[in-house]
């Protein structure tokens, strides 16, 4: 029971630090061009038109990337209104999710203290903090591929129901594909291959 309370304590501490670093002053600066501006414009067009199937930039169809990032930003715009913080809020959520997934993977492969250190190292990376607050597909993609790997780590380690964790892994893999395309399958497959054989 004591071990479980330490696990929850470490997880809460990490989450609170992550919230403080990732969500403070999200709307403090304007959107960076071209990437954030394009993502925000596509999401705005989806909200205004009600058409969430066809991404558009300046009313021109834009099929360069799958739509999940735009859907997340559009949902945030509908809830929080049209502002920079609303555009970046889903990215900050994905970044926080990535920190927690990092913690969970390290906890399963090593121990609680290593997991806490792994999460803190990620939160101390300036590049991660910068990318985790940008309205681009990159942080979503990192979160979903990490979530997929976590599911498969649980399966391979015999931790929990293998069917449920396989479903979890494939669900996150599908989200990664909806974020950046089939490259997500390749990254997860190569990561698992490397882990299995090296």
N, C-alpha and C. Protein backbone atom coordinates (compact mmCIF):
# COMPACT_ATOMS: atom_id res chain seq x y z
N UNK A 1 0.84 -1.21 0.00
CA UNK A 1 0.00 0.00 0.00
C UNK A 1 0.87 1.26 0.00
N UNK A 2 2.00 1.16 0.77
CA UNK A 2 2.90 2.29 0.84
C UNK A 2 3.52 2.58 -0.53
N UNK A 3 3.87 1.51 -1.24
CA UNK A 3 4.44 1.67 -2.59
C UNK A 3 3.47 2.37 -3.52
N UNK A 4 2.20 2.01 -3.42
CA UNK A 4 1.18 2.64 -4.27
C UNK A 4 1.03 4.12 -3.95
N UNK A 5 1.08 4.48 -2.66
CA UNK A 5 0.94 5.89 -2.28
C UNK A 5 2.13 6.70 -2.79
N UNK A 6 3.34 6.13 -2.75
CA UNK A 6 4.51 6.82 -3.31
C UNK A 6 4.35 7.03 -4.80
N UNK A 7 3.83 6.02 -5.49
CA UNK A 7 3.61 6.12 -6.94
C UNK A 7 2.66 7.28 -7.26
N UNK A 8 1.55 7.35 -6.55
CA UNK A 8 0.56 8.41 -6.76
C UNK A 8 1.17 9.78 -6.41
N UNK A 9 1.93 9.84 -5.33
CA UNK A 9 2.56 11.09 -4.91
C UNK A 9 3.52 11.60 -5.99
N UNK A 10 4.38 10.72 -6.49
CA UNK A 10 5.33 11.10 -7.53
C UNK A 10 4.60 11.58 -8.79
N UNK A 11 3.52 10.86 -9.14
CA UNK A 11 2.76 11.21 -10.33
C UNK A 11 2.10 12.58 -10.19
N UNK A 12 1.55 12.87 -9.02
CA UNK A 12 0.90 14.17 -8.77
C UNK A 12 1.93 15.29 -8.81
N UNK A 13 3.08 15.09 -8.17
CA UNK A 13 4.14 16.10 -8.18
C UNK A 13 4.56 16.41 -9.61
N UNK A 14 4.78 15.37 -10.40
CA UNK A 14 5.19 15.55 -11.79
C UNK A 14 4.11 16.28 -12.59
N UNK A 15 2.84 15.92 -12.38
CA UNK A 15 1.74 16.57 -13.09
C UNK A 15 1.64 18.05 -12.73
N UNK A 16 1.81 18.38 -11.46
CA UNK A 16 1.71 19.78 -11.04
C UNK A 16 2.85 20.63 -11.62
N UNK A 17 4.05 20.07 -11.63
CA UNK A 17 5.18 20.79 -12.25
C UNK A 17 4.93 20.97 -13.74
N UNK A 18 4.43 19.91 -14.38
CA UNK A 18 4.13 19.99 -15.80
C UNK A 18 3.07 21.03 -16.12
N UNK A 19 2.02 21.08 -15.31
CA UNK A 19 0.95 22.07 -15.52
C UNK A 19 1.51 23.48 -15.38
N UNK A 20 2.34 23.69 -14.35
CA UNK A 20 2.91 25.03 -14.13
C UNK A 20 3.78 25.47 -15.31
N UNK A 21 4.56 24.56 -15.86
CA UNK A 21 5.48 24.92 -16.93
C UNK A 21 4.82 24.99 -18.30
N UNK A 22 3.85 24.12 -18.54
CA UNK A 22 3.29 24.01 -19.89
C UNK A 22 2.08 24.92 -20.14
N UNK A 23 1.33 25.25 -19.09
CA UNK A 23 0.08 25.98 -19.31
C UNK A 23 0.15 27.46 -18.94
N UNK A 24 1.23 27.89 -18.29
CA UNK A 24 1.31 29.30 -17.89
C UNK A 24 1.55 30.19 -19.10
N UNK A 25 0.76 31.25 -19.20
CA UNK A 25 0.90 32.27 -20.25
C UNK A 25 0.92 31.67 -21.67
N UNK A 26 0.02 30.74 -21.93
CA UNK A 26 -0.06 30.14 -23.26
C UNK A 26 -0.37 31.18 -24.34
N UNK A 27 -1.13 32.19 -23.97
CA UNK A 27 -1.48 33.23 -24.94
C UNK A 27 -0.62 34.47 -24.81
N UNK A 28 0.54 34.33 -24.18
CA UNK A 28 1.40 35.49 -23.91
C UNK A 28 2.04 36.10 -25.14
N UNK A 29 2.20 35.32 -26.19
CA UNK A 29 2.76 35.84 -27.44
C UNK A 29 1.85 35.44 -28.59
N UNK A 30 1.96 36.16 -29.69
CA UNK A 30 1.15 35.85 -30.87
C UNK A 30 1.57 34.53 -31.50
N UNK A 31 0.75 34.06 -32.42
CA UNK A 31 1.03 32.79 -33.09
C UNK A 31 2.25 32.93 -34.00
N UNK A 32 3.08 31.89 -34.02
CA UNK A 32 4.26 31.88 -34.88
C UNK A 32 3.86 31.44 -36.28
N UNK A 33 4.39 32.14 -37.26
CA UNK A 33 4.13 31.79 -38.66
C UNK A 33 5.29 30.97 -39.21
N UNK A 34 5.05 30.07 -40.15
CA UNK A 34 3.74 29.79 -40.75
C UNK A 34 2.95 28.68 -40.05
N UNK A 35 3.62 27.85 -39.23
CA UNK A 35 2.98 26.61 -38.76
C UNK A 35 1.78 26.85 -37.84
N UNK A 36 1.97 27.63 -36.77
CA UNK A 36 0.85 27.86 -35.85
C UNK A 36 -0.28 28.61 -36.53
N UNK A 37 0.08 29.59 -37.34
CA UNK A 37 -0.95 30.36 -38.05
C UNK A 37 -1.79 29.48 -38.96
N UNK A 38 -1.11 28.56 -39.68
CA UNK A 38 -1.83 27.66 -40.58
C UNK A 38 -2.75 26.73 -39.79
N UNK A 39 -2.24 26.14 -38.71
CA UNK A 39 -3.07 25.23 -37.90
C UNK A 39 -4.29 25.96 -37.33
N UNK A 40 -4.06 27.18 -36.84
CA UNK A 40 -5.16 27.95 -36.27
C UNK A 40 -6.18 28.32 -37.33
N UNK A 41 -5.71 28.68 -38.53
CA UNK A 41 -6.63 29.08 -39.60
C UNK A 41 -7.49 27.91 -40.07
N UNK A 42 -6.86 26.73 -40.16
CA UNK A 42 -7.62 25.54 -40.57
C UNK A 42 -8.68 25.21 -39.53
N UNK A 43 -8.30 25.26 -38.24
CA UNK A 43 -9.26 24.97 -37.17
C UNK A 43 -10.38 26.00 -37.14
N UNK A 44 -10.02 27.29 -37.34
CA UNK A 44 -11.03 28.35 -37.37
C UNK A 44 -12.04 28.11 -38.48
N UNK A 45 -11.53 27.73 -39.66
CA UNK A 45 -12.41 27.47 -40.80
C UNK A 45 -13.35 26.30 -40.50
N UNK A 46 -12.84 25.29 -39.80
CA UNK A 46 -13.70 24.15 -39.45
C UNK A 46 -14.83 24.58 -38.52
N UNK A 47 -14.49 25.39 -37.53
CA UNK A 47 -15.50 25.85 -36.58
C UNK A 47 -16.54 26.73 -37.28
N UNK A 48 -16.08 27.65 -38.11
CA UNK A 48 -17.00 28.59 -38.76
C UNK A 48 -17.88 27.93 -39.81
N UNK A 49 -17.32 26.95 -40.55
CA UNK A 49 -18.08 26.31 -41.63
C UNK A 49 -18.87 25.11 -41.13
N UNK A 50 -18.43 24.51 -40.02
CA UNK A 50 -19.05 23.27 -39.56
C UNK A 50 -18.59 22.05 -40.32
N UNK A 51 -17.66 22.22 -41.24
CA UNK A 51 -17.11 21.12 -42.04
C UNK A 51 -15.78 20.68 -41.42
N UNK A 52 -15.81 19.54 -40.73
CA UNK A 52 -14.61 19.04 -40.05
C UNK A 52 -13.90 17.96 -40.87
N UNK A 53 -14.38 17.69 -42.07
CA UNK A 53 -13.77 16.65 -42.90
C UNK A 53 -12.71 17.18 -43.84
N UNK A 54 -12.91 18.39 -44.35
CA UNK A 54 -11.99 18.94 -45.34
C UNK A 54 -11.25 20.14 -44.74
N UNK A 55 -9.94 19.98 -44.46
CA UNK A 55 -9.17 21.12 -43.96
C UNK A 55 -9.00 22.18 -45.05
N UNK A 56 -9.10 23.45 -44.68
CA UNK A 56 -8.96 24.54 -45.64
C UNK A 56 -8.08 25.65 -45.07
N UNK A 57 -7.19 26.17 -45.92
CA UNK A 57 -6.41 27.36 -45.59
C UNK A 57 -6.83 28.45 -46.54
N UNK A 58 -7.29 29.58 -46.01
CA UNK A 58 -7.81 30.66 -46.86
C UNK A 58 -8.87 30.14 -47.82
N UNK A 59 -9.70 29.22 -47.30
CA UNK A 59 -10.82 28.64 -48.05
C UNK A 59 -10.37 27.72 -49.19
N UNK A 60 -9.09 27.37 -49.23
CA UNK A 60 -8.57 26.43 -50.23
C UNK A 60 -8.29 25.10 -49.55
N UNK A 61 -8.72 24.00 -50.18
CA UNK A 61 -8.53 22.67 -49.59
C UNK A 61 -7.05 22.40 -49.33
N UNK A 62 -6.77 21.83 -48.15
CA UNK A 62 -5.39 21.63 -47.70
C UNK A 62 -5.27 20.22 -47.12
N UNK A 63 -4.74 19.28 -47.91
CA UNK A 63 -4.67 17.88 -47.49
C UNK A 63 -3.23 17.44 -47.20
N UNK A 64 -2.38 18.34 -46.78
CA UNK A 64 -0.97 18.00 -46.56
C UNK A 64 -0.76 17.10 -45.34
N UNK A 65 -1.62 17.21 -44.34
CA UNK A 65 -1.49 16.39 -43.12
C UNK A 65 -2.85 15.87 -42.69
N UNK A 66 -2.87 14.73 -41.99
CA UNK A 66 -4.14 14.24 -41.44
C UNK A 66 -4.75 15.26 -40.47
N UNK A 67 -6.04 15.13 -40.17
CA UNK A 67 -6.77 16.23 -39.52
C UNK A 67 -6.81 16.25 -38.00
N UNK A 68 -6.23 15.29 -37.29
CA UNK A 68 -6.48 15.20 -35.86
C UNK A 68 -6.05 16.46 -35.10
N UNK A 69 -4.90 17.02 -35.45
CA UNK A 69 -4.44 18.25 -34.78
C UNK A 69 -5.45 19.37 -34.97
N UNK A 70 -5.97 19.51 -36.18
CA UNK A 70 -6.94 20.57 -36.46
C UNK A 70 -8.24 20.35 -35.70
N UNK A 71 -8.64 19.08 -35.57
CA UNK A 71 -9.85 18.78 -34.79
C UNK A 71 -9.67 19.18 -33.33
N UNK A 72 -8.51 18.87 -32.78
CA UNK A 72 -8.25 19.21 -31.37
C UNK A 72 -8.28 20.72 -31.15
N UNK A 73 -7.64 21.47 -32.06
CA UNK A 73 -7.62 22.93 -31.93
C UNK A 73 -9.03 23.50 -32.13
N UNK A 74 -9.77 22.95 -33.10
CA UNK A 74 -11.14 23.41 -33.34
C UNK A 74 -12.01 23.20 -32.11
N UNK A 75 -11.87 22.05 -31.46
CA UNK A 75 -12.64 21.79 -30.23
C UNK A 75 -12.29 22.80 -29.14
N UNK A 76 -11.01 23.10 -29.02
CA UNK A 76 -10.57 24.08 -28.03
C UNK A 76 -11.11 25.47 -28.34
N UNK A 77 -11.12 25.85 -29.61
CA UNK A 77 -11.67 27.15 -30.02
C UNK A 77 -13.15 27.26 -29.68
N UNK A 78 -13.88 26.17 -29.88
CA UNK A 78 -15.31 26.19 -29.57
C UNK A 78 -15.56 26.37 -28.07
N UNK A 79 -14.66 25.80 -27.25
CA UNK A 79 -14.84 25.88 -25.79
C UNK A 79 -14.32 27.20 -25.23
N UNK A 80 -13.12 27.62 -25.67
CA UNK A 80 -12.45 28.76 -25.04
C UNK A 80 -12.48 30.05 -25.87
N UNK A 81 -13.02 29.97 -27.08
CA UNK A 81 -13.06 31.17 -27.92
C UNK A 81 -11.83 31.29 -28.80
N UNK A 82 -11.84 32.30 -29.67
CA UNK A 82 -10.79 32.47 -30.67
C UNK A 82 -9.66 33.33 -30.08
N UNK A 83 -8.66 32.66 -29.52
CA UNK A 83 -7.51 33.35 -28.96
C UNK A 83 -6.30 32.42 -28.98
N UNK A 84 -5.12 32.99 -28.76
CA UNK A 84 -3.88 32.21 -28.85
C UNK A 84 -3.83 31.08 -27.83
N UNK A 85 -4.28 31.35 -26.61
CA UNK A 85 -4.24 30.32 -25.57
C UNK A 85 -5.10 29.12 -25.95
N UNK A 86 -6.26 29.37 -26.54
CA UNK A 86 -7.14 28.28 -26.96
C UNK A 86 -6.50 27.46 -28.07
N UNK A 87 -5.78 28.15 -28.97
CA UNK A 87 -5.11 27.44 -30.07
C UNK A 87 -4.03 26.51 -29.53
N UNK A 88 -3.33 26.94 -28.48
CA UNK A 88 -2.19 26.16 -27.95
C UNK A 88 -2.58 25.17 -26.85
N UNK A 89 -3.77 25.32 -26.30
CA UNK A 89 -4.18 24.47 -25.17
C UNK A 89 -4.10 22.97 -25.47
N UNK A 90 -4.58 22.48 -26.62
CA UNK A 90 -4.47 21.03 -26.88
C UNK A 90 -3.02 20.54 -26.94
N UNK A 91 -2.12 21.36 -27.47
CA UNK A 91 -0.71 20.96 -27.52
C UNK A 91 -0.14 20.82 -26.12
N UNK A 92 -0.48 21.75 -25.24
CA UNK A 92 0.01 21.67 -23.86
C UNK A 92 -0.54 20.42 -23.17
N UNK A 93 -1.78 20.06 -23.46
CA UNK A 93 -2.36 18.83 -22.91
C UNK A 93 -1.60 17.60 -23.40
N UNK A 94 -1.28 17.58 -24.71
CA UNK A 94 -0.53 16.46 -25.27
C UNK A 94 0.87 16.39 -24.66
N UNK A 95 1.49 17.54 -24.45
CA UNK A 95 2.83 17.57 -23.84
C UNK A 95 2.79 17.03 -22.41
N UNK A 96 1.77 17.42 -21.66
CA UNK A 96 1.63 16.90 -20.30
C UNK A 96 1.40 15.39 -20.34
N UNK A 97 0.59 14.94 -21.29
CA UNK A 97 0.38 13.50 -21.46
C UNK A 97 1.67 12.77 -21.76
N UNK A 98 2.53 13.39 -22.57
CA UNK A 98 3.82 12.77 -22.91
C UNK A 98 4.71 12.64 -21.67
N UNK A 99 4.68 13.65 -20.81
CA UNK A 99 5.45 13.59 -19.55
C UNK A 99 4.96 12.42 -18.69
N UNK A 100 3.65 12.28 -18.58
CA UNK A 100 3.08 11.21 -17.75
C UNK A 100 3.34 9.84 -18.36
N UNK A 101 3.27 9.72 -19.68
CA UNK A 101 3.59 8.46 -20.34
C UNK A 101 5.06 8.10 -20.12
N UNK A 102 5.95 9.10 -20.21
CA UNK A 102 7.37 8.88 -19.95
C UNK A 102 7.57 8.33 -18.54
N UNK A 103 6.87 8.92 -17.58
CA UNK A 103 6.92 8.45 -16.19
C UNK A 103 6.48 6.98 -16.10
N UNK A 104 5.36 6.65 -16.74
CA UNK A 104 4.80 5.30 -16.64
C UNK A 104 5.70 4.26 -17.31
N UNK A 105 6.25 4.61 -18.47
CA UNK A 105 7.16 3.67 -19.15
C UNK A 105 8.38 3.41 -18.28
N UNK A 106 8.99 4.48 -17.75
CA UNK A 106 10.17 4.32 -16.91
C UNK A 106 9.86 3.55 -15.64
N UNK A 107 8.66 3.76 -15.09
CA UNK A 107 8.28 3.03 -13.88
C UNK A 107 8.16 1.54 -14.17
N UNK A 108 7.62 1.18 -15.32
CA UNK A 108 7.46 -0.23 -15.67
C UNK A 108 8.79 -0.89 -16.03
N UNK A 109 9.69 -0.13 -16.64
CA UNK A 109 10.97 -0.71 -17.02
C UNK A 109 12.00 -0.67 -15.89
N UNK A 110 11.87 0.31 -14.99
CA UNK A 110 12.88 0.48 -13.93
C UNK A 110 12.20 0.56 -12.56
N UNK A 111 12.05 1.78 -12.01
CA UNK A 111 11.40 1.95 -10.71
C UNK A 111 10.82 3.35 -10.61
N UNK A 112 10.16 3.66 -9.47
CA UNK A 112 9.47 4.94 -9.30
C UNK A 112 10.41 6.13 -9.35
N UNK A 113 11.56 6.01 -8.68
CA UNK A 113 12.50 7.14 -8.64
C UNK A 113 13.05 7.44 -10.03
N UNK A 114 13.39 6.39 -10.76
CA UNK A 114 13.85 6.58 -12.14
C UNK A 114 12.77 7.22 -12.98
N UNK A 115 11.52 6.81 -12.76
CA UNK A 115 10.39 7.36 -13.50
C UNK A 115 10.24 8.86 -13.23
N UNK A 116 10.36 9.24 -11.96
CA UNK A 116 10.25 10.66 -11.61
C UNK A 116 11.37 11.47 -12.25
N UNK A 117 12.59 10.93 -12.18
CA UNK A 117 13.73 11.62 -12.79
C UNK A 117 13.54 11.75 -14.30
N UNK A 118 13.04 10.68 -14.95
CA UNK A 118 12.81 10.73 -16.40
C UNK A 118 11.81 11.83 -16.76
N UNK A 119 10.72 11.92 -16.00
CA UNK A 119 9.74 12.97 -16.25
C UNK A 119 10.30 14.36 -16.03
N UNK A 120 11.10 14.52 -14.96
CA UNK A 120 11.70 15.83 -14.67
C UNK A 120 12.73 16.22 -15.72
N UNK A 121 13.48 15.25 -16.22
CA UNK A 121 14.44 15.54 -17.29
C UNK A 121 13.71 16.05 -18.53
N UNK A 122 12.61 15.39 -18.87
CA UNK A 122 11.82 15.85 -20.02
C UNK A 122 11.31 17.27 -19.80
N UNK A 123 10.82 17.55 -18.59
CA UNK A 123 10.29 18.89 -18.29
C UNK A 123 11.39 19.95 -18.19
N UNK A 124 12.63 19.52 -18.03
CA UNK A 124 13.73 20.49 -17.95
C UNK A 124 14.34 20.80 -19.32
N UNK A 125 13.83 20.14 -20.36
CA UNK A 125 14.36 20.37 -21.71
C UNK A 125 13.71 21.60 -22.33
N UNK A 126 14.51 22.63 -22.64
CA UNK A 126 13.92 23.85 -23.24
C UNK A 126 13.21 23.58 -24.57
N UNK A 127 13.78 22.69 -25.38
CA UNK A 127 13.14 22.39 -26.67
C UNK A 127 11.78 21.72 -26.47
N UNK A 128 11.70 20.79 -25.51
CA UNK A 128 10.43 20.15 -25.23
C UNK A 128 9.39 21.18 -24.77
N UNK A 129 9.79 22.07 -23.85
CA UNK A 129 8.86 23.08 -23.36
C UNK A 129 8.41 24.02 -24.47
N UNK A 130 9.31 24.34 -25.39
CA UNK A 130 8.95 25.20 -26.51
C UNK A 130 7.98 24.49 -27.45
N UNK A 131 8.33 23.25 -27.86
CA UNK A 131 7.50 22.51 -28.80
C UNK A 131 6.17 22.10 -28.16
N UNK A 132 6.18 21.86 -26.84
CA UNK A 132 4.96 21.45 -26.16
C UNK A 132 3.93 22.54 -26.03
N UNK A 133 4.31 23.76 -26.35
CA UNK A 133 3.39 24.89 -26.27
C UNK A 133 3.08 25.47 -27.65
N UNK A 134 3.47 24.76 -28.70
CA UNK A 134 3.19 25.21 -30.07
C UNK A 134 2.02 24.45 -30.66
N UNK A 135 1.21 25.14 -31.42
CA UNK A 135 0.05 24.51 -32.06
C UNK A 135 0.47 23.87 -33.38
N UNK A 136 1.21 22.76 -33.25
CA UNK A 136 1.65 22.00 -34.43
C UNK A 136 1.40 20.52 -34.16
N UNK A 137 1.44 19.67 -35.19
CA UNK A 137 1.18 18.24 -34.98
C UNK A 137 2.29 17.50 -34.22
N UNK A 138 3.48 18.09 -34.10
CA UNK A 138 4.63 17.35 -33.60
C UNK A 138 4.45 16.79 -32.19
N UNK A 139 3.94 17.61 -31.26
CA UNK A 139 3.81 17.14 -29.89
C UNK A 139 2.70 16.10 -29.76
N UNK A 140 1.64 16.24 -30.56
CA UNK A 140 0.59 15.22 -30.58
C UNK A 140 1.17 13.88 -31.06
N UNK A 141 1.96 13.96 -32.12
CA UNK A 141 2.57 12.76 -32.70
C UNK A 141 3.48 12.07 -31.68
N UNK A 142 4.30 12.86 -30.97
CA UNK A 142 5.19 12.29 -29.95
C UNK A 142 4.39 11.62 -28.84
N UNK A 143 3.30 12.28 -28.41
CA UNK A 143 2.46 11.72 -27.35
C UNK A 143 1.81 10.41 -27.78
N UNK A 144 1.26 10.39 -28.98
CA UNK A 144 0.55 9.19 -29.42
C UNK A 144 1.50 8.02 -29.69
N UNK A 145 2.68 8.28 -30.27
CA UNK A 145 3.63 7.19 -30.47
C UNK A 145 4.13 6.66 -29.12
N UNK A 146 4.37 7.56 -28.17
CA UNK A 146 4.81 7.13 -26.83
C UNK A 146 3.71 6.32 -26.14
N UNK A 147 2.45 6.75 -26.30
CA UNK A 147 1.34 6.01 -25.72
C UNK A 147 1.22 4.61 -26.31
N UNK A 148 1.43 4.52 -27.62
CA UNK A 148 1.39 3.22 -28.28
C UNK A 148 2.50 2.32 -27.76
N UNK A 149 3.70 2.87 -27.64
CA UNK A 149 4.83 2.09 -27.12
C UNK A 149 4.57 1.64 -25.68
N UNK A 150 3.94 2.49 -24.89
CA UNK A 150 3.62 2.12 -23.50
C UNK A 150 2.71 0.90 -23.46
N UNK A 151 1.68 0.89 -24.32
CA UNK A 151 0.79 -0.25 -24.38
C UNK A 151 1.53 -1.53 -24.70
N UNK A 152 2.44 -1.46 -25.68
CA UNK A 152 3.16 -2.66 -26.09
C UNK A 152 4.24 -3.05 -25.08
N UNK A 153 4.80 -2.08 -24.34
CA UNK A 153 5.72 -2.39 -23.24
C UNK A 153 4.99 -3.21 -22.18
N UNK A 154 3.76 -2.82 -21.88
CA UNK A 154 2.97 -3.56 -20.89
C UNK A 154 2.70 -4.98 -21.37
N UNK A 155 2.39 -5.13 -22.66
CA UNK A 155 2.12 -6.46 -23.19
C UNK A 155 3.36 -7.34 -23.10
N UNK A 156 4.48 -6.81 -23.57
CA UNK A 156 5.72 -7.60 -23.60
C UNK A 156 6.22 -7.92 -22.20
N UNK A 157 5.97 -7.02 -21.25
CA UNK A 157 6.40 -7.26 -19.88
C UNK A 157 5.44 -8.11 -19.07
N UNK A 158 4.32 -8.50 -19.68
CA UNK A 158 3.34 -9.30 -18.96
C UNK A 158 2.66 -8.53 -17.84
N UNK A 159 2.50 -7.22 -18.03
CA UNK A 159 1.93 -6.36 -17.00
C UNK A 159 0.47 -6.06 -17.33
N UNK A 160 -0.44 -6.80 -16.74
CA UNK A 160 -1.85 -6.56 -17.00
C UNK A 160 -2.38 -7.45 -18.11
N UNK A 161 -3.63 -7.19 -18.47
CA UNK A 161 -4.31 -7.97 -19.50
C UNK A 161 -3.70 -7.68 -20.88
N UNK A 162 -3.11 -8.69 -21.53
CA UNK A 162 -2.44 -8.42 -22.81
C UNK A 162 -3.39 -7.95 -23.91
N UNK A 163 -4.63 -8.42 -23.91
CA UNK A 163 -5.58 -7.99 -24.92
C UNK A 163 -5.92 -6.52 -24.76
N UNK A 164 -6.21 -6.11 -23.52
CA UNK A 164 -6.56 -4.70 -23.27
C UNK A 164 -5.39 -3.77 -23.60
N UNK A 165 -4.17 -4.17 -23.20
CA UNK A 165 -3.02 -3.31 -23.47
C UNK A 165 -2.64 -3.30 -24.95
N UNK A 166 -2.93 -4.39 -25.65
CA UNK A 166 -2.72 -4.39 -27.11
C UNK A 166 -3.69 -3.42 -27.78
N UNK A 167 -4.95 -3.45 -27.34
CA UNK A 167 -5.95 -2.51 -27.86
C UNK A 167 -5.51 -1.08 -27.58
N UNK A 168 -5.03 -0.83 -26.36
CA UNK A 168 -4.52 0.49 -25.98
C UNK A 168 -3.40 0.91 -26.94
N UNK A 169 -2.43 0.01 -27.16
CA UNK A 169 -1.31 0.32 -28.04
C UNK A 169 -1.74 0.62 -29.47
N UNK A 170 -2.65 -0.19 -30.00
CA UNK A 170 -3.11 0.04 -31.38
C UNK A 170 -4.00 1.28 -31.49
N UNK A 171 -4.75 1.59 -30.42
CA UNK A 171 -5.57 2.80 -30.43
C UNK A 171 -4.68 4.04 -30.53
N UNK A 172 -3.64 4.10 -29.71
CA UNK A 172 -2.72 5.23 -29.77
C UNK A 172 -1.96 5.26 -31.10
N UNK A 173 -1.67 4.09 -31.64
CA UNK A 173 -1.02 4.04 -32.94
C UNK A 173 -1.92 4.63 -34.02
N UNK A 174 -3.21 4.33 -33.95
CA UNK A 174 -4.17 4.90 -34.90
C UNK A 174 -4.22 6.42 -34.78
N UNK A 175 -4.16 6.93 -33.53
CA UNK A 175 -4.16 8.38 -33.33
C UNK A 175 -2.89 9.01 -33.92
N UNK A 176 -1.77 8.31 -33.80
CA UNK A 176 -0.52 8.81 -34.38
C UNK A 176 -0.64 8.89 -35.90
N UNK A 177 -1.27 7.90 -36.51
CA UNK A 177 -1.47 7.92 -37.97
C UNK A 177 -2.41 9.06 -38.36
N UNK A 178 -3.42 9.32 -37.54
CA UNK A 178 -4.34 10.43 -37.82
C UNK A 178 -3.68 11.80 -37.61
N UNK A 179 -2.50 11.79 -36.99
CA UNK A 179 -1.78 13.04 -36.76
C UNK A 179 -0.76 13.33 -37.84
N UNK A 180 0.02 12.30 -38.24
CA UNK A 180 1.09 12.54 -39.22
C UNK A 180 1.18 11.49 -40.30
N UNK A 181 0.24 10.57 -40.34
CA UNK A 181 0.26 9.57 -41.39
C UNK A 181 0.97 8.28 -40.99
N UNK A 182 1.24 7.41 -41.97
CA UNK A 182 1.78 6.06 -41.70
C UNK A 182 3.17 6.05 -41.07
N UNK A 183 3.87 7.18 -41.04
CA UNK A 183 5.19 7.21 -40.41
C UNK A 183 5.11 6.78 -38.94
N UNK A 184 3.94 6.97 -38.33
CA UNK A 184 3.76 6.54 -36.94
C UNK A 184 3.93 5.05 -36.78
N UNK A 185 3.41 4.27 -37.74
CA UNK A 185 3.55 2.81 -37.69
C UNK A 185 5.02 2.43 -37.77
N UNK A 186 5.76 3.08 -38.66
CA UNK A 186 7.17 2.77 -38.84
C UNK A 186 7.97 3.07 -37.57
N UNK A 187 7.72 4.22 -36.96
CA UNK A 187 8.47 4.61 -35.76
C UNK A 187 8.20 3.63 -34.61
N UNK A 188 6.94 3.28 -34.38
CA UNK A 188 6.61 2.35 -33.30
C UNK A 188 7.21 0.98 -33.59
N UNK A 189 7.09 0.50 -34.83
CA UNK A 189 7.61 -0.82 -35.19
C UNK A 189 9.12 -0.89 -35.01
N UNK A 190 9.84 0.13 -35.49
CA UNK A 190 11.31 0.12 -35.37
C UNK A 190 11.75 0.24 -33.92
N UNK A 191 11.01 1.02 -33.13
CA UNK A 191 11.34 1.15 -31.70
C UNK A 191 11.17 -0.19 -30.99
N UNK A 192 10.07 -0.87 -31.26
CA UNK A 192 9.84 -2.17 -30.63
C UNK A 192 10.85 -3.21 -31.11
N UNK A 193 11.21 -3.14 -32.39
CA UNK A 193 12.20 -4.06 -32.95
C UNK A 193 13.55 -3.86 -32.27
N UNK A 194 13.94 -2.59 -32.11
CA UNK A 194 15.20 -2.29 -31.45
C UNK A 194 15.21 -2.75 -30.01
N UNK A 195 14.09 -2.56 -29.33
CA UNK A 195 13.99 -2.95 -27.92
C UNK A 195 14.06 -4.47 -27.78
N UNK A 196 13.45 -5.19 -28.74
CA UNK A 196 13.39 -6.65 -28.66
C UNK A 196 14.75 -7.30 -28.94
N UNK A 197 15.54 -6.69 -29.83
CA UNK A 197 16.73 -7.39 -30.32
C UNK A 197 18.06 -6.77 -29.90
N UNK A 198 18.04 -5.61 -29.23
CA UNK A 198 19.34 -4.98 -28.91
C UNK A 198 19.48 -4.72 -27.43
